[in-house]
Amino acid sequence: ALALAIDRLLGAPPARWHPEVRLGRWLGWAGARLAPAAGAPSPRPDGQVFWLSALAWCAAAAIVFGVGAAFQHWVLTQPAWLAALALGLFLKPLLAWAMLHDEVLAVERALGESLDAGRAQLARLVSRDVSQLSPAQVRESAIESLAENLNDSVVAPLFWFALLGLPGAALFRFANTADAMWGYRGVRGGRDWTWAGKWAARADDVLAWVPARITAALIALPAGTAAGPGRLPAEAARTPSPNGGWPMAAMALVLGVQLRKPGVYTLNPEGRSPEGADLL
């Protein structure tokens, strides 16, 4: 509760102090040495690329978990009020609800100015090409990002904090960041991640599996039968993601809208196109 309150009042810490930024820098440095350059002969066989990447991921994850565990062990030797305050303060950077909420609202405000402004704001949230998206597609993408990141940035860190404390939340954030930077099925940033990113992608899938379904349930509960137990799994199965489809499908059903990724999936196909009110 303290971490969420700090998040709402103060937002994200400066980049130079943010642990996720530091993890991202290491992942970028390591990834450039593990993933072969696209189109060039790889100096290593695919299997070796996979296992070296898996080893690098496991080593970094062990360090992250160990540092979190050591800090938490020391904190819990302090008076209860100080321990609670310290855990809340250090859990906060592992959550990002306020930023996510504000960035999604900013997409609708930008669309009120122009379609190009809406696309530019959306590009801060998603990795797909936004240059040809219509206003409805911009809103669809923003809603999808909100739903998927509600799990990645709020529910899953809290789930692992409840199970394993601060080291559990830190481990999940590392895994999620590694998936975002390494977990691609092909070429990105001039490098081939087909084998270098497999471990990171699967590890994130495993750690997010239960939280994604909890997130979908939390979204769907207020809607009752609109997103009931029969419809939700069927809609979630339309996406190739084992986890992302659950909160996105729940959001589509609760709002009564279509959410589409052209050529990949359409969630709640009988729904209407999203409107501005759906993002507010």
Protein backbone atom coordinates (compact mmCIF):
# COMPACT_ATOMS: atom_id res chain seq x y z
CA ALA A 1 0.00 0.00 0.00
CA LEU A 2 2.85 2.39 0.81
CA ALA A 3 4.63 1.61 -2.47
CA LEU A 4 1.46 2.29 -4.47
CA ALA A 5 0.83 5.52 -2.58
CA ILE A 6 4.39 6.72 -3.28
CA ASP A 7 3.96 5.73 -6.92
CA ARG A 8 0.75 7.75 -7.21
CA LEU A 9 2.13 10.83 -5.43
CA LEU A 10 5.71 10.97 -6.69
CA GLY A 11 5.79 8.85 -9.85
CA ALA A 12 8.98 7.21 -11.12
CA PRO A 13 12.37 8.04 -9.59
CA PRO A 14 15.00 9.83 -11.73
CA ALA A 15 16.50 7.60 -14.43
CA ARG A 16 19.96 7.70 -12.87
CA TRP A 17 18.57 6.08 -9.70
CA HIS A 18 16.03 3.74 -11.30
CA PRO A 19 17.09 0.06 -10.96
CA GLU A 20 15.26 -0.92 -14.13
CA VAL A 21 17.28 1.61 -16.13
CA ARG A 22 20.49 0.11 -14.76
CA LEU A 23 19.28 -3.40 -15.58
CA GLY A 24 18.40 -2.22 -19.07
CA ARG A 25 21.90 -0.88 -19.62
CA TRP A 26 23.46 -4.19 -18.62
CA LEU A 27 21.02 -6.14 -20.77
CA GLY A 28 21.83 -3.91 -23.73
CA TRP A 29 25.56 -4.40 -23.20
CA ALA A 30 25.28 -8.17 -22.77
CA GLY A 31 22.78 -8.61 -25.58
CA ALA A 32 25.11 -6.91 -28.06
CA ARG A 33 27.67 -9.61 -27.26
CA LEU A 34 25.29 -12.58 -27.22
CA ALA A 35 22.97 -11.99 -30.19
CA PRO A 36 24.70 -12.33 -33.59
CA ALA A 37 24.51 -9.50 -36.08
CA ALA A 38 21.61 -9.93 -38.48
CA GLY A 39 22.57 -11.23 -41.91
CA ALA A 40 26.13 -12.07 -40.92
CA PRO A 41 27.50 -15.57 -40.32
CA SER A 42 27.26 -16.31 -36.59
CA PRO A 43 30.57 -17.12 -34.87
CA ARG A 44 28.65 -19.61 -32.70
CA PRO A 45 26.12 -22.37 -33.44
CA ASP A 46 22.51 -21.69 -32.46
CA GLY A 47 22.64 -24.04 -29.48
CA GLN A 48 25.68 -22.29 -28.06
CA VAL A 49 24.02 -18.86 -28.47
CA PHE A 50 20.98 -20.17 -26.60
CA TRP A 51 22.91 -21.62 -23.67
CA LEU A 52 25.26 -18.67 -23.31
CA SER A 53 22.27 -16.33 -23.24
CA ALA A 54 20.51 -18.57 -20.70
CA LEU A 55 23.62 -18.61 -18.52
CA ALA A 56 23.95 -14.82 -18.68
CA TRP A 57 20.26 -14.45 -17.76
CA CYS A 58 20.56 -16.87 -14.82
CA ALA A 59 23.72 -15.21 -13.50
CA ALA A 60 22.16 -11.75 -13.59
CA ALA A 61 18.90 -13.05 -12.09
CA ALA A 62 20.83 -14.67 -9.23
CA ILE A 63 22.62 -11.40 -8.50
CA VAL A 64 19.36 -9.42 -8.56
CA PHE A 65 17.63 -11.95 -6.30
CA GLY A 66 20.63 -12.17 -3.97
CA VAL A 67 20.99 -8.41 -3.56
CA GLY A 68 17.26 -8.11 -2.88
CA ALA A 69 17.37 -10.93 -0.35
CA ALA A 70 20.40 -9.48 1.46
CA PHE A 71 18.80 -6.04 1.67
CA GLN A 72 15.50 -7.46 2.89
CA HIS A 73 17.27 -9.60 5.51
CA TRP A 74 18.98 -6.50 6.89
CA VAL A 75 15.80 -4.40 6.76
CA LEU A 76 13.82 -6.97 8.72
CA THR A 77 16.27 -6.68 11.62
CA GLN A 78 15.18 -3.05 12.09
CA PRO A 79 12.14 -1.79 14.02
CA ALA A 80 8.86 -2.71 12.34
CA TRP A 81 7.97 0.86 11.32
CA LEU A 82 11.35 1.39 9.71
CA ALA A 83 11.27 -2.00 7.98
CA ALA A 84 7.82 -1.29 6.52
CA LEU A 85 8.92 2.15 5.32
CA ALA A 86 12.12 0.81 3.73
CA LEU A 87 10.37 -2.08 1.98
CA GLY A 88 7.71 0.27 0.62
CA LEU A 89 10.31 2.71 -0.64
CA PHE A 90 12.37 0.03 -2.36
CA LEU A 91 9.33 -1.79 -3.76
CA LYS A 92 8.11 1.44 -5.41
CA PRO A 93 10.66 1.44 -8.32
CA LEU A 94 9.47 -2.07 -9.20
CA LEU A 95 5.93 -0.73 -9.82
CA ALA A 96 4.80 1.65 -12.55
CA TRP A 97 1.06 2.19 -12.28
CA ALA A 98 1.08 6.01 -12.18
CA MET A 99 3.28 6.34 -15.27
CA LEU A 100 1.27 3.75 -17.19
CA HIS A 101 -2.03 5.41 -16.26
CA ASP A 102 -0.82 8.88 -17.24
CA GLU A 103 0.80 7.75 -20.51
CA VAL A 104 -2.41 6.04 -21.67
CA LEU A 105 -4.53 9.09 -20.81
CA ALA A 106 -2.02 11.21 -22.73
CA VAL A 107 -2.73 9.20 -25.90
CA GLU A 108 -6.36 10.35 -25.91
CA ARG A 109 -5.36 13.95 -25.15
CA ALA A 110 -2.86 13.84 -28.03
CA LEU A 111 -5.51 12.43 -30.38
CA GLY A 112 -7.62 15.48 -29.52
CA GLU A 113 -4.85 17.60 -31.04
CA SER A 114 -4.19 15.52 -34.16
CA LEU A 115 -3.82 11.97 -35.39
CA ASP A 116 -0.07 12.42 -35.78
CA ALA A 117 0.22 13.60 -32.17
CA GLY A 118 -1.77 10.57 -31.01
CA ARG A 119 0.48 8.23 -32.97
CA ALA A 120 3.59 9.89 -31.54
CA GLN A 121 2.30 9.52 -27.98
CA LEU A 122 1.37 5.88 -28.59
CA ALA A 123 4.89 5.18 -29.87
CA ARG A 124 6.09 5.80 -26.29
CA LEU A 125 4.06 2.79 -25.16
CA VAL A 126 4.34 0.19 -27.93
CA SER A 127 7.06 -1.23 -30.16
CA ARG A 128 4.90 -1.71 -33.27
CA ASP A 129 4.89 0.64 -36.26
CA VAL A 130 2.28 3.32 -35.54
CA SER A 131 2.69 5.42 -38.68
CA GLN A 132 -0.36 4.01 -40.49
CA LEU A 133 -2.75 3.52 -37.56
CA SER A 134 -6.22 5.05 -37.64
CA PRO A 135 -7.64 6.85 -34.57
CA ALA A 136 -9.54 3.67 -33.58
CA GLN A 137 -6.39 1.57 -33.96
CA VAL A 138 -4.40 4.03 -31.85
CA ARG A 139 -7.00 3.65 -29.10
CA GLU A 140 -7.01 -0.13 -29.46
CA SER A 141 -3.24 -0.25 -29.06
CA ALA A 142 -3.34 2.04 -26.03
CA ILE A 143 -5.98 -0.13 -24.32
CA GLU A 144 -3.98 -3.27 -25.09
CA SER A 145 -0.85 -1.69 -23.64
CA LEU A 146 -2.73 -0.65 -20.51
CA ALA A 147 -4.14 -4.15 -20.00
CA GLU A 148 -0.89 -6.03 -20.63
CA ASN A 149 1.25 -3.67 -18.59
CA LEU A 150 -1.23 -3.68 -15.72
CA ASN A 151 0.01 -7.22 -15.20
CA ASP A 152 3.69 -6.61 -15.93
CA SER A 153 4.00 -3.35 -13.99
CA VAL A 154 1.58 -3.79 -11.08
CA VAL A 155 -0.04 -7.16 -10.43
CA ALA A 156 2.90 -9.47 -11.16
CA PRO A 157 5.45 -7.53 -9.06
CA LEU A 158 2.96 -7.46 -6.17
CA PHE A 159 2.23 -11.18 -6.62
CA TRP A 160 5.92 -12.09 -6.39
CA PHE A 161 6.42 -9.65 -3.52
CA ALA A 162 3.63 -11.43 -1.64
CA LEU A 163 5.28 -14.81 -2.26
CA LEU A 164 9.01 -14.04 -1.97
CA GLY A 165 9.27 -10.48 -0.72
CA LEU A 166 11.45 -7.81 -2.28
CA PRO A 167 13.78 -10.30 -4.04
CA GLY A 168 10.79 -11.92 -5.73
CA ALA A 169 9.49 -8.59 -7.06
CA ALA A 170 13.00 -7.62 -8.22
CA LEU A 171 13.45 -10.96 -9.98
CA PHE A 172 10.19 -10.51 -11.88
CA ARG A 173 11.09 -6.99 -12.98
CA PHE A 174 14.44 -8.24 -14.21
CA ALA A 175 12.76 -11.07 -16.14
CA ASN A 176 10.20 -8.71 -17.67
CA THR A 177 12.86 -6.18 -18.69
CA ALA A 178 15.00 -8.96 -20.18
CA ASP A 179 12.02 -10.19 -22.18
CA ALA A 180 11.35 -6.67 -23.48
CA MET A 181 14.96 -6.30 -24.63
CA TRP A 182 15.89 -9.85 -25.65
CA GLY A 183 12.68 -11.79 -26.17
CA TYR A 184 12.21 -11.36 -29.91
CA ARG A 185 11.66 -14.11 -32.45
CA GLY A 186 13.70 -12.52 -35.19
CA VAL A 187 15.71 -9.44 -36.04
CA ARG A 188 15.58 -6.26 -33.98
CA GLY A 189 18.12 -3.49 -33.65
CA GLY A 190 20.37 -5.09 -36.23
CA ARG A 191 20.71 -8.35 -34.27
CA ASP A 192 19.12 -11.78 -34.59
CA TRP A 193 17.38 -12.73 -31.33
CA THR A 194 15.91 -16.01 -32.54
CA TRP A 195 18.09 -18.05 -30.18
CA ALA A 196 19.60 -15.37 -27.95
CA GLY A 197 16.17 -14.31 -26.66
CA LYS A 198 14.44 -17.67 -26.24
CA TRP A 199 15.35 -18.22 -22.59
CA ALA A 200 14.40 -14.67 -21.57
CA ALA A 201 11.04 -14.95 -23.33
CA ARG A 202 10.17 -18.32 -21.76
CA ALA A 203 11.32 -17.27 -18.29
CA ASP A 204 9.03 -14.24 -18.42
CA ASP A 205 6.16 -16.44 -19.63
CA VAL A 206 6.59 -18.74 -16.64
CA LEU A 207 6.85 -15.98 -14.03
CA ALA A 208 3.89 -14.03 -15.47
CA TRP A 209 1.57 -17.04 -16.01
CA VAL A 210 -0.36 -16.91 -12.74
CA PRO A 211 -0.34 -13.10 -12.35
CA ALA A 212 -1.73 -12.63 -15.88
CA ARG A 213 -4.77 -14.69 -15.01
CA ILE A 214 -5.20 -12.86 -11.72
CA THR A 215 -5.05 -9.57 -13.62
CA ALA A 216 -7.71 -10.77 -16.05
CA ALA A 217 -9.95 -11.82 -13.15
CA LEU A 218 -9.54 -8.43 -11.45
CA ILE A 219 -10.48 -6.64 -14.68
CA ALA A 220 -13.40 -8.97 -15.41
CA LEU A 221 -15.00 -9.15 -11.96
CA PRO A 222 -16.94 -5.86 -12.21
CA ALA A 223 -18.42 -6.92 -15.56
CA GLY A 224 -20.06 -10.12 -14.34
CA THR A 225 -21.21 -12.35 -17.19
CA ALA A 226 -19.81 -10.04 -19.91
CA ALA A 227 -16.38 -11.54 -19.26
CA GLY A 228 -17.43 -14.77 -17.65
CA PRO A 229 -15.33 -17.90 -17.23
CA GLY A 230 -16.56 -19.32 -20.54
CA ARG A 231 -15.78 -16.34 -22.77
CA LEU A 232 -12.53 -15.13 -21.27
CA PRO A 233 -10.34 -18.21 -21.94
CA ALA A 234 -11.68 -18.49 -25.49
CA GLU A 235 -10.88 -14.86 -26.27
CA ALA A 236 -7.46 -15.04 -24.61
CA ALA A 237 -6.59 -18.06 -26.77
CA ARG A 238 -6.93 -15.92 -29.92
CA THR A 239 -3.54 -14.30 -29.21
CA PRO A 240 -0.17 -16.05 -29.60
CA SER A 241 0.93 -14.89 -26.14
CA PRO A 242 0.31 -17.35 -23.28
CA ASN A 243 -0.19 -14.44 -20.87
CA GLY A 244 -0.77 -11.11 -22.61
CA GLY A 245 -4.03 -12.27 -24.15
CA TRP A 246 -5.70 -12.74 -20.77
CA PRO A 247 -5.78 -9.14 -19.49
CA MET A 248 -6.31 -7.82 -23.04
CA ALA A 249 -9.26 -10.15 -23.60
CA ALA A 250 -10.75 -9.19 -20.24
CA MET A 251 -10.45 -5.51 -21.10
CA ALA A 252 -12.04 -6.03 -24.52
CA LEU A 253 -15.00 -7.87 -23.00
CA VAL A 254 -15.49 -5.45 -20.11
CA LEU A 255 -15.45 -2.40 -22.40
CA GLY A 256 -17.38 -4.15 -25.18
CA VAL A 257 -14.79 -3.19 -27.79
CA GLN A 258 -12.68 -4.91 -30.41
CA LEU A 259 -8.94 -5.06 -29.84
CA ARG A 260 -6.96 -6.02 -32.94
CA LYS A 261 -3.45 -6.56 -34.14
CA PRO A 262 -3.81 -6.77 -37.93
CA GLY A 263 -2.90 -10.17 -39.28
CA VAL A 264 -2.41 -11.61 -35.79
CA TYR A 265 -5.63 -11.54 -33.72
CA THR A 266 -8.97 -9.86 -33.11
CA LEU A 267 -10.32 -9.94 -29.57
CA ASN A 268 -14.09 -9.67 -29.06
CA PRO A 269 -14.75 -9.42 -32.83
CA GLU A 270 -18.43 -8.57 -32.33
CA GLY A 271 -17.49 -5.52 -30.22
CA ARG A 272 -17.51 -1.91 -31.34
CA SER A 273 -14.50 0.26 -32.14
CA PRO A 274 -13.01 2.00 -29.09
CA GLU A 275 -14.01 5.60 -28.45
CA GLY A 276 -12.34 8.37 -26.50
CA ALA A 277 -14.40 7.63 -23.39
CA ASP A 278 -12.93 4.11 -23.24
CA LEU A 279 -9.49 5.52 -22.43
CA LEU A 280 -10.69 7.90 -19.71
